[in-house]
């Protein structure tokens, strides 16, 4: 019998290698069921304990996931510390205001998981699950988190320039930034609903208070008083949603038509004809907001993830192996 032609052998080899890569990189909801049966229990204990003792952890963790995923994918590169030879993502200017509690939560969860299941659970999976569970704890929607991500082996501050939205950006710039990562306008508005919890530092909006007609006048005056000392105390901050700052709901959207948005980008959502219809939709229908937020978060949490041999399971979340 004649040997198969070289072209057929190449096809067979390609199919075999593709199948191997697919099986190696496939995410699943029960990824750790056999390799780390205590995964869910350990995560729940760490999350609950941290949130009870530090109620701002939920908002901080949600922001941490966003700052990790949107620039270069959900690979826990935001958790890596700088070294004398490398300035890591977490020390980029836009990330310097990230609070310490979510970093501490990830360290606590990782430490407990390493004791129970050494070298098994990735830091990127820990961050994805912690974010979902904390959103749910504050009354937000539950969504499924697929597991099996690997962690990045590198982190450079220079790699995130222009890839995260800033309060000073125009709505067109923000829309284009999300579009570059595959998110449409409605998904962007839904993800902006994360501002229903958490706070912003006074330096991010104080310069707008004197000459911005979008603010409710009484609200602007109250913000001026609350932030009067921020030049001497840069840690001064104000809740993003003054009505229910510790509850995940749709009041953020209801605040915007009343001039109760905090950041210029918040006001932009209501004043731009491309985004205003979605603000009005979510202000009227919390269930619709929850469904769209959950869908967008699920999409964000698998954005440009590393799987298989393209990443690693870091032994410590703040350093590569």
C-alpha atoms as a PDB file:
ATOM      1  CA  UNK A   1       0.000   0.000   0.000  1.00  0.00           C
ATOM      2  CA  UNK A   2       1.347   3.434  -0.933  1.00  0.00           C
ATOM      3  CA  UNK A   3       2.236   5.790   1.947  1.00  0.00           C
ATOM      4  CA  UNK A   4      -0.159   8.730   2.490  1.00  0.00           C
ATOM      5  CA  UNK A   5       0.858  11.950   0.750  1.00  0.00           C
ATOM      6  CA  UNK A   6       2.767  14.518   2.858  1.00  0.00           C
ATOM      7  CA  UNK A   7      -0.176  16.942   2.658  1.00  0.00           C
ATOM      8  CA  UNK A   8      -2.485  14.388   4.341  1.00  0.00           C
ATOM      9  CA  UNK A   9       0.060  13.769   7.097  1.00  0.00           C
ATOM     10  CA  UNK A  10       0.223  17.508   7.735  1.00  0.00           C
ATOM     11  CA  UNK A  11      -3.572  17.680   8.034  1.00  0.00           C
ATOM     12  CA  UNK A  12      -3.654  14.753  10.482  1.00  0.00           C
ATOM     13  CA  UNK A  13      -0.879  16.278  12.603  1.00  0.00           C
ATOM     14  CA  UNK A  14      -2.647  19.637  12.600  1.00  0.00           C
ATOM     15  CA  UNK A  15      -5.928  18.055  13.741  1.00  0.00           C
ATOM     16  CA  UNK A  16      -4.201  16.090  16.496  1.00  0.00           C
ATOM     17  CA  UNK A  17      -2.345  19.150  17.797  1.00  0.00           C
ATOM     18  CA  UNK A  18      -5.502  21.269  17.613  1.00  0.00           C
ATOM     19  CA  UNK A  19      -7.451  18.685  19.613  1.00  0.00           C
ATOM     20  CA  UNK A  20      -4.708  18.535  22.246  1.00  0.00           C
ATOM     21  CA  UNK A  21      -4.624  22.318  22.574  1.00  0.00           C
ATOM     22  CA  UNK A  22      -8.421  22.501  22.742  1.00  0.00           C
ATOM     23  CA  UNK A  23      -8.669  19.924  25.522  1.00  0.00           C
ATOM     24  CA  UNK A  24      -5.862  21.628  27.411  1.00  0.00           C
ATOM     25  CA  UNK A  25      -7.368  25.096  27.154  1.00  0.00           C
ATOM     26  CA  UNK A  26     -11.066  24.356  27.642  1.00  0.00           C
ATOM     27  CA  UNK A  27     -12.730  26.252  30.472  1.00  0.00           C
ATOM     28  CA  UNK A  28     -15.422  24.675  32.612  1.00  0.00           C
ATOM     29  CA  UNK A  29     -17.642  25.499  35.570  1.00  0.00           C
ATOM     30  CA  UNK A  30     -16.314  22.543  37.585  1.00  0.00           C
ATOM     31  CA  UNK A  31     -12.657  22.889  36.596  1.00  0.00           C
ATOM     32  CA  UNK A  32     -11.391  22.276  40.158  1.00  0.00           C
ATOM     33  CA  UNK A  33     -13.938  19.639  41.220  1.00  0.00           C
ATOM     34  CA  UNK A  34     -11.309  16.885  41.248  1.00  0.00           C
ATOM     35  CA  UNK A  35      -8.025  18.773  41.665  1.00  0.00           C
ATOM     36  CA  UNK A  36      -9.245  21.103  44.433  1.00  0.00           C
ATOM     37  CA  UNK A  37     -12.623  19.975  45.859  1.00  0.00           C
ATOM     38  CA  UNK A  38     -12.467  22.603  48.617  1.00  0.00           C
ATOM     39  CA  UNK A  39     -12.096  25.497  46.126  1.00  0.00           C
ATOM     40  CA  UNK A  40     -15.593  26.934  46.530  1.00  0.00           C
ATOM     41  CA  UNK A  41     -15.610  26.607  50.323  1.00  0.00           C
ATOM     42  CA  UNK A  42     -12.201  28.261  50.726  1.00  0.00           C
ATOM     43  CA  UNK A  43     -13.162  31.091  48.375  1.00  0.00           C
ATOM     44  CA  UNK A  44     -16.456  31.726  50.152  1.00  0.00           C
ATOM     45  CA  UNK A  45     -14.815  31.869  53.572  1.00  0.00           C
ATOM     46  CA  UNK A  46     -12.105  34.288  52.450  1.00  0.00           C
ATOM     47  CA  UNK A  47     -14.559  36.536  50.594  1.00  0.00           C
ATOM     48  CA  UNK A  48     -17.143  36.682  53.378  1.00  0.00           C
ATOM     49  CA  UNK A  49     -14.601  37.369  56.099  1.00  0.00           C
ATOM     50  CA  UNK A  50     -12.898  40.146  54.128  1.00  0.00           C
ATOM     51  CA  UNK A  51     -16.111  41.880  53.046  1.00  0.00           C
ATOM     52  CA  UNK A  52     -17.608  41.837  56.563  1.00  0.00           C
ATOM     53  CA  UNK A  53     -14.494  43.402  58.045  1.00  0.00           C
ATOM     54  CA  UNK A  54     -13.821  45.776  55.120  1.00  0.00           C
ATOM     55  CA  UNK A  55     -17.096  46.690  53.366  1.00  0.00           C
ATOM     56  CA  UNK A  56     -15.351  48.565  50.542  1.00  0.00           C
ATOM     57  CA  UNK A  57     -13.690  45.340  49.367  1.00  0.00           C
ATOM     58  CA  UNK A  58     -16.465  44.490  46.881  1.00  0.00           C
ATOM     59  CA  UNK A  59     -16.204  47.718  44.910  1.00  0.00           C
ATOM     60  CA  UNK A  60     -12.408  47.582  44.987  1.00  0.00           C
ATOM     61  CA  UNK A  61     -12.328  44.005  43.704  1.00  0.00           C
ATOM     62  CA  UNK A  62     -14.735  44.808  40.875  1.00  0.00           C
ATOM     63  CA  UNK A  63     -12.493  47.692  39.841  1.00  0.00           C
ATOM     64  CA  UNK A  64      -9.388  45.506  40.152  1.00  0.00           C
ATOM     65  CA  UNK A  65     -10.855  42.910  37.779  1.00  0.00           C
ATOM     66  CA  UNK A  66     -11.752  45.640  35.303  1.00  0.00           C
ATOM     67  CA  UNK A  67      -8.237  47.107  35.428  1.00  0.00           C
ATOM     68  CA  UNK A  68      -6.752  43.632  34.969  1.00  0.00           C
ATOM     69  CA  UNK A  69      -8.977  42.448  32.123  1.00  0.00           C
ATOM     70  CA  UNK A  70      -9.630  45.370  29.805  1.00  0.00           C
ATOM     71  CA  UNK A  71      -6.025  46.344  28.905  1.00  0.00           C
ATOM     72  CA  UNK A  72      -4.451  42.953  28.128  1.00  0.00           C
ATOM     73  CA  UNK A  73      -6.901  40.252  29.146  1.00  0.00           C
ATOM     74  CA  UNK A  74      -7.862  38.536  32.409  1.00  0.00           C
ATOM     75  CA  UNK A  75      -4.502  37.090  33.382  1.00  0.00           C
ATOM     76  CA  UNK A  76      -3.839  38.519  36.876  1.00  0.00           C
ATOM     77  CA  UNK A  77      -1.009  40.666  35.519  1.00  0.00           C
ATOM     78  CA  UNK A  78      -2.335  43.571  37.626  1.00  0.00           C
ATOM     79  CA  UNK A  79      -1.366  41.623  40.768  1.00  0.00           C
ATOM     80  CA  UNK A  80       2.353  41.367  39.959  1.00  0.00           C
ATOM     81  CA  UNK A  81       4.610  43.691  41.963  1.00  0.00           C
ATOM     82  CA  UNK A  82       7.273  45.844  40.364  1.00  0.00           C
ATOM     83  CA  UNK A  83      10.939  44.929  40.692  1.00  0.00           C
ATOM     84  CA  UNK A  84      14.098  47.044  40.367  1.00  0.00           C
ATOM     85  CA  UNK A  85      14.199  45.863  36.740  1.00  0.00           C
ATOM     86  CA  UNK A  86      10.529  46.224  35.790  1.00  0.00           C
ATOM     87  CA  UNK A  87       7.705  48.678  36.474  1.00  0.00           C
ATOM     88  CA  UNK A  88       4.579  46.509  36.640  1.00  0.00           C
ATOM     89  CA  UNK A  89       0.988  47.367  35.694  1.00  0.00           C
ATOM     90  CA  UNK A  90      -0.094  48.084  39.255  1.00  0.00           C
ATOM     91  CA  UNK A  91       2.379  51.006  39.382  1.00  0.00           C
ATOM     92  CA  UNK A  92       1.086  52.689  36.224  1.00  0.00           C
ATOM     93  CA  UNK A  93      -0.345  56.111  37.060  1.00  0.00           C
ATOM     94  CA  UNK A  94      -3.954  55.083  36.404  1.00  0.00           C
ATOM     95  CA  UNK A  95      -3.611  52.115  38.797  1.00  0.00           C
ATOM     96  CA  UNK A  96      -2.012  53.917  41.742  1.00  0.00           C
ATOM     97  CA  UNK A  97      -5.456  54.658  43.210  1.00  0.00           C
ATOM     98  CA  UNK A  98      -6.476  50.986  43.298  1.00  0.00           C
ATOM     99  CA  UNK A  99      -7.261  50.211  46.967  1.00  0.00           C
ATOM    100  CA  UNK A 100      -5.312  47.658  48.957  1.00  0.00           C
ATOM    101  CA  UNK A 101      -8.218  45.534  50.211  1.00  0.00           C
ATOM    102  CA  UNK A 102      -8.830  43.564  46.985  1.00  0.00           C
ATOM    103  CA  UNK A 103      -5.111  42.775  46.687  1.00  0.00           C
ATOM    104  CA  UNK A 104      -5.206  41.548  50.294  1.00  0.00           C
ATOM    105  CA  UNK A 105      -8.285  39.418  49.586  1.00  0.00           C
ATOM    106  CA  UNK A 106      -6.570  37.677  46.677  1.00  0.00           C
ATOM    107  CA  UNK A 107      -3.476  37.009  48.821  1.00  0.00           C
ATOM    108  CA  UNK A 108      -5.613  35.519  51.609  1.00  0.00           C
ATOM    109  CA  UNK A 109      -7.570  33.291  49.239  1.00  0.00           C
ATOM    110  CA  UNK A 110      -4.429  32.187  47.383  1.00  0.00           C
ATOM    111  CA  UNK A 111      -2.605  31.361  50.629  1.00  0.00           C
ATOM    112  CA  UNK A 112      -5.485  29.188  51.846  1.00  0.00           C
ATOM    113  CA  UNK A 113      -5.798  27.454  48.467  1.00  0.00           C
ATOM    114  CA  UNK A 114      -2.053  26.759  48.269  1.00  0.00           C
ATOM    115  CA  UNK A 115      -2.224  25.041  51.656  1.00  0.00           C
ATOM    116  CA  UNK A 116      -5.126  22.874  50.524  1.00  0.00           C
ATOM    117  CA  UNK A 117      -4.308  22.396  46.826  1.00  0.00           C
ATOM    118  CA  UNK A 118      -0.716  23.431  46.040  1.00  0.00           C
ATOM    119  CA  UNK A 119       0.061  24.808  42.569  1.00  0.00           C
ATOM    120  CA  UNK A 120      -3.486  24.201  41.309  1.00  0.00           C
ATOM    121  CA  UNK A 121      -5.648  27.339  41.344  1.00  0.00           C
ATOM    122  CA  UNK A 122      -4.668  30.374  39.254  1.00  0.00           C
ATOM    123  CA  UNK A 123      -4.719  33.910  40.605  1.00  0.00           C
ATOM    124  CA  UNK A 124      -6.821  34.979  37.620  1.00  0.00           C
ATOM    125  CA  UNK A 125      -9.512  32.429  38.505  1.00  0.00           C
ATOM    126  CA  UNK A 126      -9.466  33.629  42.125  1.00  0.00           C
ATOM    127  CA  UNK A 127     -10.012  37.231  41.027  1.00  0.00           C
ATOM    128  CA  UNK A 128     -12.830  36.297  38.637  1.00  0.00           C
ATOM    129  CA  UNK A 129     -14.742  34.268  41.249  1.00  0.00           C
ATOM    130  CA  UNK A 130     -14.144  36.774  44.058  1.00  0.00           C
ATOM    131  CA  UNK A 131     -15.564  39.580  41.911  1.00  0.00           C
ATOM    132  CA  UNK A 132     -18.724  37.639  41.013  1.00  0.00           C
ATOM    133  CA  UNK A 133     -19.354  36.532  44.604  1.00  0.00           C
ATOM    134  CA  UNK A 134     -18.855  40.031  46.025  1.00  0.00           C
ATOM    135  CA  UNK A 135     -21.236  41.575  43.474  1.00  0.00           C
ATOM    136  CA  UNK A 136     -23.811  38.951  44.479  1.00  0.00           C
ATOM    137  CA  UNK A 137     -23.241  39.599  48.195  1.00  0.00           C
ATOM    138  CA  UNK A 138     -24.213  43.248  47.673  1.00  0.00           C
ATOM    139  CA  UNK A 139     -27.465  42.320  45.941  1.00  0.00           C
ATOM    140  CA  UNK A 140     -26.197  42.212  42.357  1.00  0.00           C
ATOM    141  CA  UNK A 141     -26.774  39.492  39.763  1.00  0.00           C
ATOM    142  CA  UNK A 142     -25.244  36.046  39.900  1.00  0.00           C
ATOM    143  CA  UNK A 143     -23.524  34.869  36.738  1.00  0.00           C
ATOM    144  CA  UNK A 144     -21.565  31.759  35.891  1.00  0.00           C
ATOM    145  CA  UNK A 145     -17.776  32.019  35.968  1.00  0.00           C
ATOM    146  CA  UNK A 146     -15.952  29.547  33.758  1.00  0.00           C
ATOM    147  CA  UNK A 147     -12.637  28.420  35.232  1.00  0.00           C
ATOM    148  CA  UNK A 148      -9.294  27.270  33.895  1.00  0.00           C
ATOM    149  CA  UNK A 149      -7.482  30.553  33.252  1.00  0.00           C
ATOM    150  CA  UNK A 150      -3.715  30.668  33.560  1.00  0.00           C
ATOM    151  CA  UNK A 151      -1.694  33.582  34.944  1.00  0.00           C
ATOM    152  CA  UNK A 152       0.527  35.907  32.950  1.00  0.00           C
ATOM    153  CA  UNK A 153       4.293  35.586  33.189  1.00  0.00           C
ATOM    154  CA  UNK A 154       4.815  39.323  32.681  1.00  0.00           C
ATOM    155  CA  UNK A 155       3.424  42.741  33.603  1.00  0.00           C
ATOM    156  CA  UNK A 156       4.535  46.096  32.216  1.00  0.00           C
ATOM    157  CA  UNK A 157       3.103  49.469  33.201  1.00  0.00           C
ATOM    158  CA  UNK A 158       3.716  50.766  29.685  1.00  0.00           C
ATOM    159  CA  UNK A 159       1.404  48.131  28.177  1.00  0.00           C
ATOM    160  CA  UNK A 160      -1.812  49.654  29.537  1.00  0.00           C
ATOM    161  CA  UNK A 161      -1.392  53.215  28.292  1.00  0.00           C
ATOM    162  CA  UNK A 162      -4.628  54.356  26.663  1.00  0.00           C
ATOM    163  CA  UNK A 163      -6.435  51.077  27.344  1.00  0.00           C
ATOM    164  CA  UNK A 164      -8.431  52.128  30.432  1.00  0.00           C
ATOM    165  CA  UNK A 165     -11.092  54.865  30.498  1.00  0.00           C
ATOM    166  CA  UNK A 166     -10.349  58.075  32.374  1.00  0.00           C
ATOM    167  CA  UNK A 167     -12.965  60.429  33.866  1.00  0.00           C
ATOM    168  CA  UNK A 168     -11.668  63.211  31.633  1.00  0.00           C
ATOM    169  CA  UNK A 169     -12.215  61.286  28.386  1.00  0.00           C
ATOM    170  CA  UNK A 170     -14.991  62.266  25.998  1.00  0.00           C
ATOM    171  CA  UNK A 171     -17.782  59.763  25.444  1.00  0.00           C
ATOM    172  CA  UNK A 172     -16.481  59.124  21.916  1.00  0.00           C
ATOM    173  CA  UNK A 173     -13.063  58.214  23.323  1.00  0.00           C
ATOM    174  CA  UNK A 174     -14.612  55.853  25.879  1.00  0.00           C
ATOM    175  CA  UNK A 175     -16.868  54.211  23.283  1.00  0.00           C
ATOM    176  CA  UNK A 176     -13.884  53.712  20.955  1.00  0.00           C
ATOM    177  CA  UNK A 177     -11.757  52.318  23.790  1.00  0.00           C
ATOM    178  CA  UNK A 178     -14.359  49.649  24.593  1.00  0.00           C
ATOM    179  CA  UNK A 179     -14.981  48.952  20.905  1.00  0.00           C
ATOM    180  CA  UNK A 180     -11.265  48.213  20.460  1.00  0.00           C
ATOM    181  CA  UNK A 181     -11.711  45.402  22.987  1.00  0.00           C
ATOM    182  CA  UNK A 182     -14.873  44.069  21.361  1.00  0.00           C
ATOM    183  CA  UNK A 183     -17.525  45.675  23.582  1.00  0.00           C
ATOM    184  CA  UNK A 184     -20.444  47.562  22.054  1.00  0.00           C
ATOM    185  CA  UNK A 185     -22.106  50.706  23.417  1.00  0.00           C
ATOM    186  CA  UNK A 186     -24.792  48.873  25.364  1.00  0.00           C
ATOM    187  CA  UNK A 187     -22.221  46.592  27.029  1.00  0.00           C
ATOM    188  CA  UNK A 188     -20.151  49.642  27.936  1.00  0.00           C
ATOM    189  CA  UNK A 189     -23.150  51.362  29.558  1.00  0.00           C
ATOM    190  CA  UNK A 190     -24.043  48.163  31.429  1.00  0.00           C
ATOM    191  CA  UNK A 191     -20.487  47.788  32.750  1.00  0.00           C
ATOM    192  CA  UNK A 192     -20.557  51.448  33.832  1.00  0.00           C
ATOM    193  CA  UNK A 193     -23.258  50.388  36.273  1.00  0.00           C
ATOM    194  CA  UNK A 194     -20.416  49.112  38.447  1.00  0.00           C
ATOM    195  CA  UNK A 195     -20.393  52.717  39.733  1.00  0.00           C
ATOM    196  CA  UNK A 196     -23.472  51.831  41.757  1.00  0.00           C
ATOM    197  CA  UNK A 197     -20.979  50.806  44.462  1.00  0.00           C
ATOM    198  CA  UNK A 198     -17.637  52.243  45.516  1.00  0.00           C
ATOM    199  CA  UNK A 199     -16.203  55.722  45.581  1.00  0.00           C
ATOM    200  CA  UNK A 200     -14.046  58.139  43.584  1.00  0.00           C
ATOM    201  CA  UNK A 201     -11.285  60.399  44.819  1.00  0.00           C
ATOM    202  CA  UNK A 202     -12.007  64.120  44.893  1.00  0.00           C
ATOM    203  CA  UNK A 203      -9.121  64.862  42.531  1.00  0.00           C
ATOM    204  CA  UNK A 204     -10.995  62.992  39.779  1.00  0.00           C
ATOM    205  CA  UNK A 205     -13.922  65.426  39.638  1.00  0.00           C
ATOM    206  CA  UNK A 206     -13.284  68.533  41.778  1.00  0.00           C
ATOM    207  CA  UNK A 207     -12.045  70.617  38.848  1.00  0.00           C
ATOM    208  CA  UNK A 208     -15.453  70.183  37.169  1.00  0.00           C
ATOM    209  CA  UNK A 209     -17.580  71.491  40.029  1.00  0.00           C
ATOM    210  CA  UNK A 210     -17.230  75.212  39.368  1.00  0.00           C
ATOM    211  CA  UNK A 211     -18.025  75.322  35.674  1.00  0.00           C
ATOM    212  CA  UNK A 212     -20.054  72.218  34.858  1.00  0.00           C
ATOM    213  CA  UNK A 213     -23.787  72.755  34.378  1.00  0.00           C
ATOM    214  CA  UNK A 214     -24.509  69.010  34.426  1.00  0.00           C
ATOM    215  CA  UNK A 215     -24.355  68.818  38.233  1.00  0.00           C
ATOM    216  CA  UNK A 216     -27.384  69.411  40.424  1.00  0.00           C
ATOM    217  CA  UNK A 217     -26.468  72.777  42.084  1.00  0.00           C
ATOM    218  CA  UNK A 218     -27.040  71.548  45.648  1.00  0.00           C
ATOM    219  CA  UNK A 219     -25.113  68.378  44.923  1.00  0.00           C
ATOM    220  CA  UNK A 220     -22.205  70.392  43.476  1.00  0.00           C
ATOM    221  CA  UNK A 221     -22.125  72.557  46.588  1.00  0.00           C
ATOM    222  CA  UNK A 222     -22.104  69.503  48.864  1.00  0.00           C
ATOM    223  CA  UNK A 223     -19.260  67.988  46.843  1.00  0.00           C
ATOM    224  CA  UNK A 224     -17.236  71.205  47.140  1.00  0.00           C
ATOM    225  CA  UNK A 225     -17.574  71.065  50.916  1.00  0.00           C
ATOM    226  CA  UNK A 226     -16.769  67.347  51.108  1.00  0.00           C
ATOM    227  CA  UNK A 227     -13.667  67.803  48.948  1.00  0.00           C
ATOM    228  CA  UNK A 228     -12.462  71.163  50.286  1.00  0.00           C
ATOM    229  CA  UNK A 229      -9.373  69.623  51.880  1.00  0.00           C
ATOM    230  CA  UNK A 230      -8.340  67.306  49.069  1.00  0.00           C
ATOM    231  CA  UNK A 231      -5.235  69.292  47.969  1.00  0.00           C
ATOM    232  CA  UNK A 232      -3.744  68.533  51.384  1.00  0.00           C
ATOM    233  CA  UNK A 233      -5.377  65.120  51.706  1.00  0.00           C
ATOM    234  CA  UNK A 234      -5.464  63.357  48.296  1.00  0.00           C
ATOM    235  CA  UNK A 235      -7.230  60.322  49.816  1.00  0.00           C
ATOM    236  CA  UNK A 236     -10.493  62.262  50.259  1.00  0.00           C
ATOM    237  CA  UNK A 237     -13.255  60.554  48.313  1.00  0.00           C
ATOM    238  CA  UNK A 238     -17.023  60.485  47.753  1.00  0.00           C
ATOM    239  CA  UNK A 239     -19.425  57.605  47.042  1.00  0.00           C
ATOM    240  CA  UNK A 240     -20.242  57.137  43.359  1.00  0.00           C
ATOM    241  CA  UNK A 241     -23.896  56.503  44.194  1.00  0.00           C
ATOM    242  CA  UNK A 242     -24.959  58.729  47.079  1.00  0.00           C
ATOM    243  CA  UNK A 243     -28.372  57.061  47.405  1.00  0.00           C
ATOM    244  CA  UNK A 244     -27.360  53.439  48.054  1.00  0.00           C
ATOM    245  CA  UNK A 245     -23.549  53.266  48.024  1.00  0.00           C
ATOM    246  CA  UNK A 246     -23.312  49.781  49.548  1.00  0.00           C
ATOM    247  CA  UNK A 247     -26.039  48.113  47.503  1.00  0.00           C
ATOM    248  CA  UNK A 248     -25.707  46.866  43.951  1.00  0.00           C
ATOM    249  CA  UNK A 249     -28.823  48.252  42.238  1.00  0.00           C
ATOM    250  CA  UNK A 250     -29.872  50.546  39.386  1.00  0.00           C
ATOM    251  CA  UNK A 251     -29.997  53.805  41.345  1.00  0.00           C
ATOM    252  CA  UNK A 252     -26.776  54.911  39.661  1.00  0.00           C
ATOM    253  CA  UNK A 253     -28.726  55.278  36.416  1.00  0.00           C
ATOM    254  CA  UNK A 254     -31.648  56.969  38.170  1.00  0.00           C
ATOM    255  CA  UNK A 255     -29.222  59.543  39.609  1.00  0.00           C
ATOM    256  CA  UNK A 256     -27.844  60.670  36.247  1.00  0.00           C
ATOM    257  CA  UNK A 257     -30.923  62.551  34.896  1.00  0.00           C
ATOM    258  CA  UNK A 258     -31.094  64.376  38.258  1.00  0.00           C
ATOM    259  CA  UNK A 259     -27.552  65.709  37.919  1.00  0.00           C
ATOM    260  CA  UNK A 260     -26.290  63.411  40.670  1.00  0.00           C
ATOM    261  CA  UNK A 261     -23.488  61.778  38.701  1.00  0.00           C
ATOM    262  CA  UNK A 262     -20.034  62.131  40.220  1.00  0.00           C
ATOM    263  CA  UNK A 263     -17.618  61.958  37.292  1.00  0.00           C
ATOM    264  CA  UNK A 264     -17.680  63.788  33.993  1.00  0.00           C
ATOM    265  CA  UNK A 265     -17.905  60.390  32.280  1.00  0.00           C
ATOM    266  CA  UNK A 266     -21.053  59.634  34.331  1.00  0.00           C
ATOM    267  CA  UNK A 267     -22.730  62.809  33.073  1.00  0.00           C
ATOM    268  CA  UNK A 268     -21.566  61.938  29.569  1.00  0.00           C
ATOM    269  CA  UNK A 269     -23.553  58.695  29.619  1.00  0.00           C
ATOM    270  CA  UNK A 270     -26.798  60.622  30.040  1.00  0.00           C
ATOM    271  CA  UNK A 271     -25.964  63.546  27.775  1.00  0.00           C
ATOM    272  CA  UNK A 272     -24.724  61.587  24.761  1.00  0.00           C
ATOM    273  CA  UNK A 273     -27.476  60.401  22.359  1.00  0.00           C
ATOM    274  CA  UNK A 274     -25.630  57.114  21.761  1.00  0.00           C
ATOM    275  CA  UNK A 275     -25.675  56.105  25.437  1.00  0.00           C
ATOM    276  CA  UNK A 276     -28.694  57.966  26.875  1.00  0.00           C
ATOM    277  CA  UNK A 277     -31.306  55.385  25.715  1.00  0.00           C
ATOM    278  CA  UNK A 278     -29.521  52.640  27.653  1.00  0.00           C
ATOM    279  CA  UNK A 279     -29.231  54.834  30.770  1.00  0.00           C
ATOM    280  CA  UNK A 280     -32.982  55.444  30.616  1.00  0.00           C
ATOM    281  CA  UNK A 281     -33.655  51.742  30.018  1.00  0.00           C
ATOM    282  CA  UNK A 282     -31.593  50.625  33.021  1.00  0.00           C
ATOM    283  CA  UNK A 283     -32.993  53.394  35.246  1.00  0.00           C
ATOM    284  CA  UNK A 284     -36.469  52.067  34.522  1.00  0.00           C
ATOM    285  CA  UNK A 285     -35.781  48.314  34.549  1.00  0.00           C
ATOM    286  CA  UNK A 286     -33.338  46.932  37.138  1.00  0.00           C
ATOM    287  CA  UNK A 287     -33.870  43.347  35.954  1.00  0.00           C
ATOM    288  CA  UNK A 288     -32.788  44.326  32.448  1.00  0.00           C
ATOM    289  CA  UNK A 289     -29.697  46.048  33.871  1.00  0.00           C
ATOM    290  CA  UNK A 290     -28.839  42.980  35.935  1.00  0.00           C
ATOM    291  CA  UNK A 291     -29.185  40.654  32.930  1.00  0.00           C
ATOM    292  CA  UNK A 292     -27.058  42.864  30.687  1.00  0.00           C
ATOM    293  CA  UNK A 293     -24.460  43.522  33.399  1.00  0.00           C
ATOM    294  CA  UNK A 294     -24.132  39.788  34.116  1.00  0.00           C
ATOM    295  CA  UNK A 295     -23.742  39.012  30.399  1.00  0.00           C
ATOM    296  CA  UNK A 296     -21.141  41.765  29.922  1.00  0.00           C
ATOM    297  CA  UNK A 297     -19.202  40.682  33.017  1.00  0.00           C
ATOM    298  CA  UNK A 298     -19.171  37.088  31.849  1.00  0.00           C
ATOM    299  CA  UNK A 299     -17.769  38.284  28.517  1.00  0.00           C
ATOM    300  CA  UNK A 300     -15.212  40.536  30.224  1.00  0.00           C
ATOM    301  CA  UNK A 301     -14.058  37.766  32.573  1.00  0.00           C
ATOM    302  CA  UNK A 302     -12.911  35.580  29.659  1.00  0.00           C
ATOM    303  CA  UNK A 303     -11.490  38.412  27.556  1.00  0.00           C
ATOM    304  CA  UNK A 304      -8.111  37.410  26.054  1.00  0.00           C
ATOM    305  CA  UNK A 305      -7.490  34.850  28.774  1.00  0.00           C
ATOM    306  CA  UNK A 306      -4.415  32.651  28.816  1.00  0.00           C
ATOM    307  CA  UNK A 307      -4.942  28.911  28.864  1.00  0.00           C
ATOM    308  CA  UNK A 308      -2.845  25.793  28.488  1.00  0.00           C
ATOM    309  CA  UNK A 309       0.862  26.465  28.075  1.00  0.00           C
ATOM    310  CA  UNK A 310       0.419  30.179  27.343  1.00  0.00           C
ATOM    311  CA  UNK A 311       0.400  30.951  31.068  1.00  0.00           C
ATOM    312  CA  UNK A 312       1.250  29.462  34.437  1.00  0.00           C
ATOM    313  CA  UNK A 313      -0.198  28.828  37.891  1.00  0.00           C
ATOM    314  CA  UNK A 314       1.682  31.388  39.955  1.00  0.00           C
ATOM    315  CA  UNK A 315       2.672  30.194  43.408  1.00  0.00           C
ATOM    316  CA  UNK A 316       2.381  33.785  44.627  1.00  0.00           C
ATOM    317  CA  UNK A 317      -0.011  36.187  42.979  1.00  0.00           C
ATOM    318  CA  UNK A 318       2.394  39.125  43.249  1.00  0.00           C
ATOM    319  CA  UNK A 319       5.335  37.446  41.479  1.00  0.00           C
ATOM    320  CA  UNK A 320       5.986  35.180  38.503  1.00  0.00           C
ATOM    321  CA  UNK A 321       7.338  31.718  39.244  1.00  0.00           C
END
